[in-house]
Amino acid sequence: MPATLHKSAFQYAKELVNEGKFVFDERDAWSEHQPSAEEENKFIRDHGFAEYGRWHLGIDEDEPEDTKARYKFPYGDFKKVHRCAVLSAESRAGQYKYHDIENAAAHLHGMIEALKPVAGAR
């Protein structure tokens, strides 16, 4: 999994957080909140792989463009950024030593923590 930071996705995630489009959920909630394979497939059918990729902090350019395998480290549910997904991405990126992705996730985590009291986003 030779992933690098998907810079446009990171920028998009920052915009969403700044707009209050995030969920301040529990650390371990991602397994419950992440889109199912069926939801992912429907999103891809409706919006395409480029839009699907915008919801992932990592990109593996060794994988074909029109495949899910190309995109790593999801951070949301196609509507909002989820704190639990960001924390999961931060942790997993650190384990695999993808420091650029780990740092991007940590940045998003910090943004969400800072905005929690004022946004009241759910």
PDB file of N, CA and C in Angstrom:
ATOM      1  N   MET A   1       0.839  -1.186   0.000  1.00  0.00           N
ATOM      2  CA  MET A   1       0.000   0.000   0.000  1.00  0.00           C
ATOM      3  C   MET A   1       0.885   1.251   0.000  1.00  0.00           C
ATOM      4  N   PRO A   2       1.526   1.568  -1.098  1.00  0.00           N
ATOM      5  CA  PRO A   2       2.377   2.770  -1.160  1.00  0.00           C
ATOM      6  C   PRO A   2       1.541   4.035  -1.385  1.00  0.00           C
ATOM      7  N   ALA A   3       0.913   4.530  -0.340  1.00  0.00           N
ATOM      8  CA  ALA A   3       0.027   5.686  -0.460  1.00  0.00           C
ATOM      9  C   ALA A   3       0.769   6.993  -0.196  1.00  0.00           C
ATOM     10  N   THR A   4       0.303   8.036  -0.865  1.00  0.00           N
ATOM     11  CA  THR A   4       0.792   9.390  -0.614  1.00  0.00           C
ATOM     12  C   THR A   4      -0.419  10.278  -0.319  1.00  0.00           C
ATOM     13  N   LEU A   5      -0.157  11.437   0.223  1.00  0.00           N
ATOM     14  CA  LEU A   5      -1.231  12.356   0.568  1.00  0.00           C
ATOM     15  C   LEU A   5      -1.984  12.788  -0.686  1.00  0.00           C
ATOM     16  N   HIS A   6      -3.278  12.661  -0.646  1.00  0.00           N
ATOM     17  CA  HIS A   6      -4.160  13.121  -1.718  1.00  0.00           C
ATOM     18  C   HIS A   6      -4.496  14.580  -1.383  1.00  0.00           C
ATOM     19  N   LYS A   7      -3.684  15.482  -1.893  1.00  0.00           N
ATOM     20  CA  LYS A   7      -3.731  16.889  -1.480  1.00  0.00           C
ATOM     21  C   LYS A   7      -5.077  17.555  -1.718  1.00  0.00           C
ATOM     22  N   SER A   8      -5.711  17.284  -2.847  1.00  0.00           N
ATOM     23  CA  SER A   8      -7.004  17.924  -3.105  1.00  0.00           C
ATOM     24  C   SER A   8      -8.069  17.394  -2.148  1.00  0.00           C
ATOM     25  N   ALA A   9      -7.976  16.124  -1.756  1.00  0.00           N
ATOM     26  CA  ALA A   9      -8.918  15.571  -0.780  1.00  0.00           C
ATOM     27  C   ALA A   9      -8.690  16.204   0.595  1.00  0.00           C
ATOM     28  N   PHE A  10      -7.442  16.411   0.955  1.00  0.00           N
ATOM     29  CA  PHE A  10      -7.123  17.065   2.225  1.00  0.00           C
ATOM     30  C   PHE A  10      -7.685  18.487   2.237  1.00  0.00           C
ATOM     31  N   GLN A  11      -7.526  19.196   1.146  1.00  0.00           N
ATOM     32  CA  GLN A  11      -8.070  20.555   1.047  1.00  0.00           C
ATOM     33  C   GLN A  11      -9.592  20.541   1.176  1.00  0.00           C
ATOM     34  N   TYR A  12     -10.227  19.592   0.507  1.00  0.00           N
ATOM     35  CA  TYR A  12     -11.683  19.462   0.568  1.00  0.00           C
ATOM     36  C   TYR A  12     -12.133  19.170   2.000  1.00  0.00           C
ATOM     37  N   ALA A  13     -11.433  18.277   2.683  1.00  0.00           N
ATOM     38  CA  ALA A  13     -11.772  17.941   4.070  1.00  0.00           C
ATOM     39  C   ALA A  13     -11.664  19.173   4.962  1.00  0.00           C
ATOM     40  N   LYS A  14     -10.625  19.975   4.773  1.00  0.00           N
ATOM     41  CA  LYS A  14     -10.472  21.201   5.567  1.00  0.00           C
ATOM     42  C   LYS A  14     -11.637  22.155   5.315  1.00  0.00           C
ATOM     43  N   GLU A  15     -12.052  22.280   4.052  1.00  0.00           N
ATOM     44  CA  GLU A  15     -13.190  23.142   3.722  1.00  0.00           C
ATOM     45  C   GLU A  15     -14.461  22.653   4.419  1.00  0.00           C
ATOM     46  N   LEU A  16     -14.687  21.347   4.386  1.00  0.00           N
ATOM     47  CA  LEU A  16     -15.873  20.788   5.032  1.00  0.00           C
ATOM     48  C   LEU A  16     -15.870  21.073   6.535  1.00  0.00           C
ATOM     49  N   VAL A  17     -14.738  20.867   7.170  1.00  0.00           N
ATOM     50  CA  VAL A  17     -14.646  21.121   8.612  1.00  0.00           C
ATOM     51  C   VAL A  17     -14.897  22.598   8.896  1.00  0.00           C
ATOM     52  N   ASN A  18     -14.280  23.479   8.125  1.00  0.00           N
ATOM     53  CA  ASN A  18     -14.491  24.919   8.327  1.00  0.00           C
ATOM     54  C   ASN A  18     -15.946  25.333   8.145  1.00  0.00           C
ATOM     55  N   GLU A  19     -16.671  24.591   7.296  1.00  0.00           N
ATOM     56  CA  GLU A  19     -18.096  24.870   7.059  1.00  0.00           C
ATOM     57  C   GLU A  19     -18.990  24.219   8.119  1.00  0.00           C
ATOM     58  N   GLY A  20     -18.372  23.536   9.095  1.00  0.00           N
ATOM     59  CA  GLY A  20     -19.144  22.866  10.134  1.00  0.00           C
ATOM     60  C   GLY A  20     -19.728  21.540   9.708  1.00  0.00           C
ATOM     61  N   LYS A  21     -19.250  21.007   8.593  1.00  0.00           N
ATOM     62  CA  LYS A  21     -19.768  19.741   8.070  1.00  0.00           C
ATOM     63  C   LYS A  21     -18.916  18.585   8.604  1.00  0.00           C
ATOM     64  N   PHE A  22     -19.051  18.357   9.913  1.00  0.00           N
ATOM     65  CA  PHE A  22     -18.339  17.263  10.546  1.00  0.00           C
ATOM     66  C   PHE A  22     -19.179  16.701  11.674  1.00  0.00           C
ATOM     67  N   VAL A  23     -18.843  15.472  12.059  1.00  0.00           N
ATOM     68  CA  VAL A  23     -19.509  14.789  13.154  1.00  0.00           C
ATOM     69  C   VAL A  23     -18.473  14.565  14.234  1.00  0.00           C
ATOM     70  N   PHE A  24     -18.756  15.070  15.425  1.00  0.00           N
ATOM     71  CA  PHE A  24     -17.851  14.874  16.561  1.00  0.00           C
ATOM     72  C   PHE A  24     -18.276  13.591  17.268  1.00  0.00           C
ATOM     73  N   ASP A  25     -17.844  12.478  16.723  1.00  0.00           N
ATOM     74  CA  ASP A  25     -18.259  11.180  17.247  1.00  0.00           C
ATOM     75  C   ASP A  25     -17.141  10.534  18.055  1.00  0.00           C
ATOM     76  N   GLU A  26     -17.465   9.391  18.631  1.00  0.00           N
ATOM     77  CA  GLU A  26     -16.516   8.680  19.487  1.00  0.00           C
ATOM     78  C   GLU A  26     -15.396   8.041  18.666  1.00  0.00           C
ATOM     79  N   ARG A  27     -14.270   7.885  19.285  1.00  0.00           N
ATOM     80  CA  ARG A  27     -13.058   7.377  18.642  1.00  0.00           C
ATOM     81  C   ARG A  27     -13.304   6.072  17.877  1.00  0.00           C
ATOM     82  N   ASP A  28     -14.025   5.146  18.445  1.00  0.00           N
ATOM     83  CA  ASP A  28     -14.165   3.823  17.847  1.00  0.00           C
ATOM     84  C   ASP A  28     -15.455   3.642  17.045  1.00  0.00           C
ATOM     85  N   ALA A  29     -16.100   4.709  16.655  1.00  0.00           N
ATOM     86  CA  ALA A  29     -17.398   4.618  15.982  1.00  0.00           C
ATOM     87  C   ALA A  29     -17.300   4.403  14.471  1.00  0.00           C
ATOM     88  N   TRP A  30     -16.113   4.451  13.885  1.00  0.00           N
ATOM     89  CA  TRP A  30     -15.997   4.390  12.433  1.00  0.00           C
ATOM     90  C   TRP A  30     -16.543   3.093  11.853  1.00  0.00           C
ATOM     91  N   SER A  31     -16.377   1.976  12.547  1.00  0.00           N
ATOM     92  CA  SER A  31     -16.897   0.714  12.013  1.00  0.00           C
ATOM     93  C   SER A  31     -18.419   0.772  11.854  1.00  0.00           C
ATOM     94  N   GLU A  32     -19.091   1.564  12.674  1.00  0.00           N
ATOM     95  CA  GLU A  32     -20.540   1.735  12.569  1.00  0.00           C
ATOM     96  C   GLU A  32     -20.918   2.839  11.581  1.00  0.00           C
ATOM     97  N   HIS A  33     -20.086   3.860  11.450  1.00  0.00           N
ATOM     98  CA  HIS A  33     -20.425   5.039  10.653  1.00  0.00           C
ATOM     99  C   HIS A  33     -19.942   4.987   9.211  1.00  0.00           C
ATOM    100  N   GLN A  34     -18.945   4.150   8.934  1.00  0.00           N
ATOM    101  CA  GLN A  34     -18.395   4.143   7.578  1.00  0.00           C
ATOM    102  C   GLN A  34     -19.420   3.611   6.585  1.00  0.00           C
ATOM    103  N   PRO A  35     -19.399   4.138   5.381  1.00  0.00           N
ATOM    104  CA  PRO A  35     -20.324   3.649   4.357  1.00  0.00           C
ATOM    105  C   PRO A  35     -20.073   2.168   4.052  1.00  0.00           C
ATOM    106  N   SER A  36     -21.138   1.448   3.791  1.00  0.00           N
ATOM    107  CA  SER A  36     -21.017   0.041   3.398  1.00  0.00           C
ATOM    108  C   SER A  36     -20.477  -0.024   1.970  1.00  0.00           C
ATOM    109  N   ALA A  37     -20.062  -1.211   1.562  1.00  0.00           N
ATOM    110  CA  ALA A  37     -19.595  -1.399   0.173  1.00  0.00           C
ATOM    111  C   ALA A  37     -20.707  -1.021  -0.804  1.00  0.00           C
ATOM    112  N   GLU A  38     -21.932  -1.358  -0.464  1.00  0.00           N
ATOM    113  CA  GLU A  38     -23.071  -1.016  -1.326  1.00  0.00           C
ATOM    114  C   GLU A  38     -23.239   0.507  -1.431  1.00  0.00           C
ATOM    115  N   GLU A  39     -23.109   1.211  -0.305  1.00  0.00           N
ATOM    116  CA  GLU A  39     -23.215   2.676  -0.316  1.00  0.00           C
ATOM    117  C   GLU A  39     -22.071   3.294  -1.116  1.00  0.00           C
ATOM    118  N   GLU A  40     -20.870   2.726  -0.977  1.00  0.00           N
ATOM    119  CA  GLU A  40     -19.738   3.208  -1.768  1.00  0.00           C
ATOM    120  C   GLU A  40     -20.006   3.028  -3.256  1.00  0.00           C
ATOM    121  N   ASN A  41     -20.481   1.852  -3.634  1.00  0.00           N
ATOM    122  CA  ASN A  41     -20.747   1.570  -5.043  1.00  0.00           C
ATOM    123  C   ASN A  41     -21.814   2.505  -5.613  1.00  0.00           C
ATOM    124  N   LYS A  42     -22.847   2.766  -4.846  1.00  0.00           N
ATOM    125  CA  LYS A  42     -23.893   3.689  -5.289  1.00  0.00           C
ATOM    126  C   LYS A  42     -23.321   5.090  -5.460  1.00  0.00           C
ATOM    127  N   PHE A  43     -22.489   5.522  -4.507  1.00  0.00           N
ATOM    128  CA  PHE A  43     -21.867   6.840  -4.602  1.00  0.00           C
ATOM    129  C   PHE A  43     -21.017   6.934  -5.864  1.00  0.00           C
ATOM    130  N   ILE A  44     -20.246   5.890  -6.152  1.00  0.00           N
ATOM    131  CA  ILE A  44     -19.400   5.878  -7.348  1.00  0.00           C
ATOM    132  C   ILE A  44     -20.262   5.920  -8.611  1.00  0.00           C
ATOM    133  N   ARG A  45     -21.340   5.141  -8.638  1.00  0.00           N
ATOM    134  CA  ARG A  45     -22.242   5.171  -9.799  1.00  0.00           C
ATOM    135  C   ARG A  45     -22.822   6.569 -10.008  1.00  0.00           C
ATOM    136  N   ASP A  46     -23.202   7.221  -8.918  1.00  0.00           N
ATOM    137  CA  ASP A  46     -23.846   8.533  -8.997  1.00  0.00           C
ATOM    138  C   ASP A  46     -22.869   9.681  -9.241  1.00  0.00           C
ATOM    139  N   HIS A  47     -21.632   9.548  -8.736  1.00  0.00           N
ATOM    140  CA  HIS A  47     -20.704  10.690  -8.743  1.00  0.00           C
ATOM    141  C   HIS A  47     -19.357  10.422  -9.402  1.00  0.00           C
ATOM    142  N   GLY A  48     -18.998   9.172  -9.589  1.00  0.00           N
ATOM    143  CA  GLY A  48     -17.729   8.828 -10.225  1.00  0.00           C
ATOM    144  C   GLY A  48     -16.588   8.640  -9.240  1.00  0.00           C
ATOM    145  N   PHE A  49     -15.498   8.084  -9.745  1.00  0.00           N
ATOM    146  CA  PHE A  49     -14.338   7.784  -8.905  1.00  0.00           C
ATOM    147  C   PHE A  49     -13.606   9.034  -8.437  1.00  0.00           C
ATOM    148  N   ALA A  50     -13.591  10.086  -9.239  1.00  0.00           N
ATOM    149  CA  ALA A  50     -12.885  11.305  -8.822  1.00  0.00           C
ATOM    150  C   ALA A  50     -13.523  11.876  -7.554  1.00  0.00           C
ATOM    151  N   GLU A  51     -14.848  11.906  -7.532  1.00  0.00           N
ATOM    152  CA  GLU A  51     -15.551  12.416  -6.349  1.00  0.00           C
ATOM    153  C   GLU A  51     -15.379  11.455  -5.166  1.00  0.00           C
ATOM    154  N   TYR A  52     -15.407  10.167  -5.422  1.00  0.00           N
ATOM    155  CA  TYR A  52     -15.149   9.156  -4.395  1.00  0.00           C
ATOM    156  C   TYR A  52     -13.761   9.390  -3.778  1.00  0.00           C
ATOM    157  N   GLY A  53     -12.789   9.654  -4.624  1.00  0.00           N
ATOM    158  CA  GLY A  53     -11.423   9.879  -4.151  1.00  0.00           C
ATOM    159  C   GLY A  53     -11.277  11.096  -3.260  1.00  0.00           C
ATOM    160  N   ARG A  54     -12.150  12.081  -3.438  1.00  0.00           N
ATOM    161  CA  ARG A  54     -12.083  13.290  -2.603  1.00  0.00           C
ATOM    162  C   ARG A  54     -12.381  12.997  -1.141  1.00  0.00           C
ATOM    163  N   TRP A  55     -12.886  11.820  -0.840  1.00  0.00           N
ATOM    164  CA  TRP A  55     -13.225  11.433   0.533  1.00  0.00           C
ATOM    165  C   TRP A  55     -12.159  10.537   1.157  1.00  0.00           C
ATOM    166  N   HIS A  56     -10.949  10.553   0.572  1.00  0.00           N
ATOM    167  CA  HIS A  56      -9.843   9.724   1.055  1.00  0.00           C
ATOM    168  C   HIS A  56      -8.560  10.552   1.120  1.00  0.00           C
ATOM    169  N   LEU A  57      -7.864  10.471   2.243  1.00  0.00           N
ATOM    170  CA  LEU A  57      -6.635  11.253   2.415  1.00  0.00           C
ATOM    171  C   LEU A  57      -5.438  10.655   1.691  1.00  0.00           C
ATOM    172  N   GLY A  58      -5.513   9.387   1.345  1.00  0.00           N
ATOM    173  CA  GLY A  58      -4.395   8.736   0.662  1.00  0.00           C
ATOM    174  C   GLY A  58      -4.765   8.300  -0.736  1.00  0.00           C
ATOM    175  N   ILE A  59      -3.755   8.301  -1.585  1.00  0.00           N
ATOM    176  CA  ILE A  59      -3.935   7.821  -2.953  1.00  0.00           C
ATOM    177  C   ILE A  59      -2.745   6.915  -3.292  1.00  0.00           C
ATOM    178  N   ASP A  60      -3.048   5.803  -3.911  1.00  0.00           N
ATOM    179  CA  ASP A  60      -2.030   4.839  -4.335  1.00  0.00           C
ATOM    180  C   ASP A  60      -1.992   4.878  -5.857  1.00  0.00           C
ATOM    181  N   GLU A  61      -1.038   5.602  -6.391  1.00  0.00           N
ATOM    182  CA  GLU A  61      -0.979   5.804  -7.834  1.00  0.00           C
ATOM    183  C   GLU A  61      -0.514   4.569  -8.587  1.00  0.00           C
ATOM    184  N   ASP A  62      -0.129   3.497  -7.869  1.00  0.00           N
ATOM    185  CA  ASP A  62       0.189   2.233  -8.516  1.00  0.00           C
ATOM    186  C   ASP A  62      -1.081   1.464  -8.883  1.00  0.00           C
ATOM    187  N   GLU A  63      -2.200   1.843  -8.293  1.00  0.00           N
ATOM    188  CA  GLU A  63      -3.485   1.192  -8.564  1.00  0.00           C
ATOM    189  C   GLU A  63      -4.189   1.902  -9.722  1.00  0.00           C
ATOM    190  N   PRO A  64      -4.990   1.176 -10.494  1.00  0.00           N
ATOM    191  CA  PRO A  64      -5.721   1.795 -11.615  1.00  0.00           C
ATOM    192  C   PRO A  64      -6.649   2.918 -11.135  1.00  0.00           C
ATOM    193  N   GLU A  65      -6.843   3.918 -11.987  1.00  0.00           N
ATOM    194  CA  GLU A  65      -7.623   5.096 -11.624  1.00  0.00           C
ATOM    195  C   GLU A  65      -9.049   4.784 -11.228  1.00  0.00           C
ATOM    196  N   ASP A  66      -9.718   3.937 -11.941  1.00  0.00           N
ATOM    197  CA  ASP A  66     -11.135   3.690 -11.688  1.00  0.00           C
ATOM    198  C   ASP A  66     -11.353   2.462 -10.815  1.00  0.00           C
ATOM    199  N   THR A  67     -10.641   2.424  -9.688  1.00  0.00           N
ATOM    200  CA  THR A  67     -10.819   1.339  -8.718  1.00  0.00           C
ATOM    201  C   THR A  67     -10.827   1.907  -7.309  1.00  0.00           C
ATOM    202  N   LYS A  68     -11.533   1.232  -6.432  1.00  0.00           N
ATOM    203  CA  LYS A  68     -11.538   1.626  -5.020  1.00  0.00           C
ATOM    204  C   LYS A  68     -10.149   1.471  -4.409  1.00  0.00           C
ATOM    205  N   ALA A  69      -9.389   0.497  -4.878  1.00  0.00           N
ATOM    206  CA  ALA A  69      -8.067   0.212  -4.317  1.00  0.00           C
ATOM    207  C   ALA A  69      -7.119   1.401  -4.418  1.00  0.00           C
ATOM    208  N   ARG A  70      -7.391   2.318  -5.320  1.00  0.00           N
ATOM    209  CA  ARG A  70      -6.530   3.487  -5.509  1.00  0.00           C
ATOM    210  C   ARG A  70      -6.611   4.447  -4.315  1.00  0.00           C
ATOM    211  N   TYR A  71      -7.719   4.424  -3.586  1.00  0.00           N
ATOM    212  CA  TYR A  71      -7.972   5.416  -2.545  1.00  0.00           C
ATOM    213  C   TYR A  71      -7.901   4.794  -1.154  1.00  0.00           C
ATOM    214  N   LYS A  72      -7.172   5.448  -0.259  1.00  0.00           N
ATOM    215  CA  LYS A  72      -6.907   4.933   1.087  1.00  0.00           C
ATOM    216  C   LYS A  72      -7.259   6.003   2.120  1.00  0.00           C
ATOM    217  N   PHE A  73      -7.476   5.564   3.321  1.00  0.00           N
ATOM    218  CA  PHE A  73      -7.686   6.438   4.474  1.00  0.00           C
ATOM    219  C   PHE A  73      -8.904   7.356   4.315  1.00  0.00           C
ATOM    220  N   PRO A  74     -10.107   6.750   4.302  1.00  0.00           N
ATOM    221  CA  PRO A  74     -11.325   7.562   4.217  1.00  0.00           C
ATOM    222  C   PRO A  74     -11.490   8.429   5.467  1.00  0.00           C
ATOM    223  N   TYR A  75     -12.136   9.565   5.291  1.00  0.00           N
ATOM    224  CA  TYR A  75     -12.329  10.474   6.429  1.00  0.00           C
ATOM    225  C   TYR A  75     -13.782  10.878   6.644  1.00  0.00           C
ATOM    226  N   GLY A  76     -14.702  10.336   5.862  1.00  0.00           N
ATOM    227  CA  GLY A  76     -16.095  10.721   6.030  1.00  0.00           C
ATOM    228  C   GLY A  76     -17.054   9.795   5.323  1.00  0.00           C
ATOM    229  N   ASP A  77     -18.332  10.192   5.371  1.00  0.00           N
ATOM    230  CA  ASP A  77     -19.420   9.352   4.872  1.00  0.00           C
ATOM    231  C   ASP A  77     -20.063   9.887   3.594  1.00  0.00           C
ATOM    232  N   PHE A  78     -19.349  10.711   2.848  1.00  0.00           N
ATOM    233  CA  PHE A  78     -19.802  11.341   1.603  1.00  0.00           C
ATOM    234  C   PHE A  78     -20.737  12.525   1.861  1.00  0.00           C
ATOM    235  N   LYS A  79     -20.933  12.859   3.128  1.00  0.00           N
ATOM    236  CA  LYS A  79     -21.709  14.041   3.488  1.00  0.00           C
ATOM    237  C   LYS A  79     -20.938  14.919   4.464  1.00  0.00           C
ATOM    238  N   LYS A  80     -20.323  14.260   5.456  1.00  0.00           N
ATOM    239  CA  LYS A  80     -19.611  14.981   6.502  1.00  0.00           C
ATOM    240  C   LYS A  80     -18.319  14.260   6.860  1.00  0.00           C
ATOM    241  N   VAL A  81     -17.385  15.026   7.387  1.00  0.00           N
ATOM    242  CA  VAL A  81     -16.153  14.477   7.946  1.00  0.00           C
ATOM    243  C   VAL A  81     -16.518  13.865   9.299  1.00  0.00           C
ATOM    244  N   HIS A  82     -15.992  12.699   9.581  1.00  0.00           N
ATOM    245  CA  HIS A  82     -16.231  12.055  10.875  1.00  0.00           C
ATOM    246  C   HIS A  82     -14.942  12.054  11.684  1.00  0.00           C
ATOM    247  N   ARG A  83     -15.049  12.533  12.900  1.00  0.00           N
ATOM    248  CA  ARG A  83     -13.898  12.538  13.806  1.00  0.00           C
ATOM    249  C   ARG A  83     -13.326  11.125  13.949  1.00  0.00           C
ATOM    250  N   CYS A  84     -14.187  10.122  14.074  1.00  0.00           N
ATOM    251  CA  CYS A  84     -13.717   8.751  14.246  1.00  0.00           C
ATOM    252  C   CYS A  84     -12.914   8.275  13.032  1.00  0.00           C
ATOM    253  N   ALA A  85     -13.309   8.688  11.834  1.00  0.00           N
ATOM    254  CA  ALA A  85     -12.578   8.301  10.620  1.00  0.00           C
ATOM    255  C   ALA A  85     -11.223   8.991  10.568  1.00  0.00           C
ATOM    256  N   VAL A  86     -11.203  10.259  10.960  1.00  0.00           N
ATOM    257  CA  VAL A  86      -9.944  11.013  10.983  1.00  0.00           C
ATOM    258  C   VAL A  86      -8.978  10.377  11.978  1.00  0.00           C
ATOM    259  N   LEU A  87      -9.476  10.006  13.153  1.00  0.00           N
ATOM    260  CA  LEU A  87      -8.627   9.366  14.159  1.00  0.00           C
ATOM    261  C   LEU A  87      -8.116   8.021  13.670  1.00  0.00           C
ATOM    262  N   SER A  88      -8.970   7.273  12.998  1.00  0.00           N
ATOM    263  CA  SER A  88      -8.554   5.986  12.442  1.00  0.00           C
ATOM    264  C   SER A  88      -7.480   6.179  11.376  1.00  0.00           C
ATOM    265  N   ALA A  89      -7.689   7.148  10.493  1.00  0.00           N
ATOM    266  CA  ALA A  89      -6.699   7.432   9.443  1.00  0.00           C
ATOM    267  C   ALA A  89      -5.368   7.868  10.053  1.00  0.00           C
ATOM    268  N   GLU A  90      -5.443   8.717  11.073  1.00  0.00           N
ATOM    269  CA  GLU A  90      -4.224   9.198  11.730  1.00  0.00           C
ATOM    270  C   GLU A  90      -3.441   8.026  12.324  1.00  0.00           C
ATOM    271  N   SER A  91      -4.136   7.142  13.006  1.00  0.00           N
ATOM    272  CA  SER A  91      -3.496   5.997  13.639  1.00  0.00           C
ATOM    273  C   SER A  91      -2.912   5.022  12.608  1.00  0.00           C
ATOM    274  N   ARG A  92      -3.709   4.651  11.618  1.00  0.00           N
ATOM    275  CA  ARG A  92      -3.240   3.696  10.605  1.00  0.00           C
ATOM    276  C   ARG A  92      -2.096   4.260   9.770  1.00  0.00           C
ATOM    277  N   ALA A  93      -2.189   5.537   9.415  1.00  0.00           N
ATOM    278  CA  ALA A  93      -1.102   6.149   8.636  1.00  0.00           C
ATOM    279  C   ALA A  93       0.191   6.129   9.442  1.00  0.00           C
ATOM    280  N   GLY A  94       0.083   6.376  10.741  1.00  0.00           N
ATOM    281  CA  GLY A  94       1.268   6.313  11.597  1.00  0.00           C
ATOM    282  C   GLY A  94       1.862   4.913  11.642  1.00  0.00           C
ATOM    283  N   GLN A  95       0.998   3.905  11.719  1.00  0.00           N
ATOM    284  CA  GLN A  95       1.470   2.516  11.742  1.00  0.00           C
ATOM    285  C   GLN A  95       2.239   2.166  10.481  1.00  0.00           C
ATOM    286  N   TYR A  96       1.750   2.650   9.331  1.00  0.00           N
ATOM    287  CA  TYR A  96       2.392   2.342   8.049  1.00  0.00           C
ATOM    288  C   TYR A  96       3.495   3.340   7.680  1.00  0.00           C
ATOM    289  N   LYS A  97       3.727   4.301   8.560  1.00  0.00           N
ATOM    290  CA  LYS A  97       4.764   5.323   8.368  1.00  0.00           C
ATOM    291  C   LYS A  97       4.503   6.211   7.148  1.00  0.00           C
ATOM    292  N   TYR A  98       3.230   6.513   6.918  1.00  0.00           N
ATOM    293  CA  TYR A  98       2.837   7.487   5.899  1.00  0.00           C
ATOM    294  C   TYR A  98       2.684   8.824   6.613  1.00  0.00           C
ATOM    295  N   HIS A  99       3.813   9.447   6.870  1.00  0.00           N
ATOM    296  CA  HIS A  99       3.823  10.627   7.724  1.00  0.00           C
ATOM    297  C   HIS A  99       3.054  11.806   7.145  1.00  0.00           C
ATOM    298  N   ASP A 100       3.036  11.958   5.829  1.00  0.00           N
ATOM    299  CA  ASP A 100       2.276  13.066   5.247  1.00  0.00           C
ATOM    300  C   ASP A 100       0.778  12.887   5.479  1.00  0.00           C
ATOM    301  N   ILE A 101       0.304  11.660   5.372  1.00  0.00           N
ATOM    302  CA  ILE A 101      -1.112  11.378   5.626  1.00  0.00           C
ATOM    303  C   ILE A 101      -1.408  11.475   7.117  1.00  0.00           C
ATOM    304  N   GLU A 102      -0.521  10.946   7.929  1.00  0.00           N
ATOM    305  CA  GLU A 102      -0.677  11.036   9.385  1.00  0.00           C
ATOM    306  C   GLU A 102      -0.767  12.501   9.828  1.00  0.00           C
ATOM    307  N   ASN A 103       0.101  13.340   9.293  1.00  0.00           N
ATOM    308  CA  ASN A 103       0.096  14.760   9.657  1.00  0.00           C
ATOM    309  C   ASN A 103      -1.164  15.468   9.175  1.00  0.00           C
ATOM    310  N   ALA A 104      -1.642  15.113   7.986  1.00  0.00           N
ATOM    311  CA  ALA A 104      -2.879  15.707   7.471  1.00  0.00           C
ATOM    312  C   ALA A 104      -4.055  15.316   8.358  1.00  0.00           C
ATOM    313  N   ALA A 105      -4.134  14.052   8.741  1.00  0.00           N
ATOM    314  CA  ALA A 105      -5.210  13.598   9.621  1.00  0.00           C
ATOM    315  C   ALA A 105      -5.113  14.277  10.986  1.00  0.00           C
ATOM    316  N   ALA A 106      -3.903  14.426  11.498  1.00  0.00           N
ATOM    317  CA  ALA A 106      -3.721  15.116  12.778  1.00  0.00           C
ATOM    318  C   ALA A 106      -4.178  16.570  12.672  1.00  0.00           C
ATOM    319  N   HIS A 107      -3.914  17.201  11.547  1.00  0.00           N
ATOM    320  CA  HIS A 107      -4.357  18.580  11.325  1.00  0.00           C
ATOM    321  C   HIS A 107      -5.887  18.650  11.343  1.00  0.00           C
ATOM    322  N   LEU A 108      -6.539  17.743  10.634  1.00  0.00           N
ATOM    323  CA  LEU A 108      -8.001  17.704  10.624  1.00  0.00           C
ATOM    324  C   LEU A 108      -8.546  17.442  12.030  1.00  0.00           C
ATOM    325  N   HIS A 109      -7.903  16.537  12.739  1.00  0.00           N
ATOM    326  CA  HIS A 109      -8.295  16.224  14.110  1.00  0.00           C
ATOM    327  C   HIS A 109      -8.241  17.492  14.973  1.00  0.00           C
ATOM    328  N   GLY A 110      -7.167  18.230  14.853  1.00  0.00           N
ATOM    329  CA  GLY A 110      -7.036  19.474  15.599  1.00  0.00           C
ATOM    330  C   GLY A 110      -8.098  20.498  15.223  1.00  0.00           C
ATOM    331  N   MET A 111      -8.395  20.583  13.940  1.00  0.00           N
ATOM    332  CA  MET A 111      -9.442  21.515  13.487  1.00  0.00           C
ATOM    333  C   MET A 111     -10.799  21.153  14.096  1.00  0.00           C
ATOM    334  N   ILE A 112     -11.114  19.868  14.080  1.00  0.00           N
ATOM    335  CA  ILE A 112     -12.397  19.415  14.624  1.00  0.00           C
ATOM    336  C   ILE A 112     -12.462  19.688  16.123  1.00  0.00           C
ATOM    337  N   GLU A 113     -11.380  19.379  16.828  1.00  0.00           N
ATOM    338  CA  GLU A 113     -11.354  19.626  18.278  1.00  0.00           C
ATOM    339  C   GLU A 113     -11.554  21.110  18.575  1.00  0.00           C
ATOM    340  N   ALA A 114     -10.923  21.956  17.783  1.00  0.00           N
ATOM    341  CA  ALA A 114     -11.019  23.403  18.023  1.00  0.00           C
ATOM    342  C   ALA A 114     -12.406  23.947  17.730  1.00  0.00           C
ATOM    343  N   LEU A 115     -13.102  23.347  16.770  1.00  0.00           N
ATOM    344  CA  LEU A 115     -14.424  23.841  16.374  1.00  0.00           C
ATOM    345  C   LEU A 115     -15.566  23.183  17.119  1.00  0.00           C
ATOM    346  N   LYS A 116     -15.312  22.134  17.832  1.00  0.00           N
ATOM    347  CA  LYS A 116     -16.375  21.383  18.507  1.00  0.00           C
ATOM    348  C   LYS A 116     -17.301  22.286  19.329  1.00  0.00           C
ATOM    349  N   PRO A 117     -16.788  23.135  20.197  1.00  0.00           N
ATOM    350  CA  PRO A 117     -17.695  23.901  21.046  1.00  0.00           C
ATOM    351  C   PRO A 117     -18.606  24.874  20.285  1.00  0.00           C
ATOM    352  N   VAL A 118     -18.116  25.418  19.171  1.00  0.00           N
ATOM    353  CA  VAL A 118     -18.912  26.428  18.472  1.00  0.00           C
ATOM    354  C   VAL A 118     -19.793  25.853  17.374  1.00  0.00           C
ATOM    355  N   ALA A 119     -19.398  24.738  16.799  1.00  0.00           N
ATOM    356  CA  ALA A 119     -20.144  24.233  15.654  1.00  0.00           C
ATOM    357  C   ALA A 119     -21.388  23.469  16.073  1.00  0.00           C
ATOM    358  N   GLY A 120     -21.242  22.670  17.110  1.00  0.00           N
ATOM    359  CA  GLY A 120     -22.354  21.821  17.503  1.00  0.00           C
ATOM    360  C   GLY A 120     -22.791  20.908  16.384  1.00  0.00           C
ATOM    361  N   ALA A 121     -21.879  20.583  15.495  1.00  0.00           N
ATOM    362  CA  ALA A 121     -22.198  19.771  14.315  1.00  0.00           C
ATOM    363  C   ALA A 121     -22.521  18.349  14.730  1.00  0.00           C
ATOM    364  N   ARG A 122     -23.517  17.809  14.110  1.00  0.00           N
ATOM    365  CA  ARG A 122     -23.896  16.399  14.322  1.00  0.00           C
ATOM    366  C   ARG A 122     -24.340  15.823  13.008  1.00  0.00           C
TER     367      ARG A 122
END
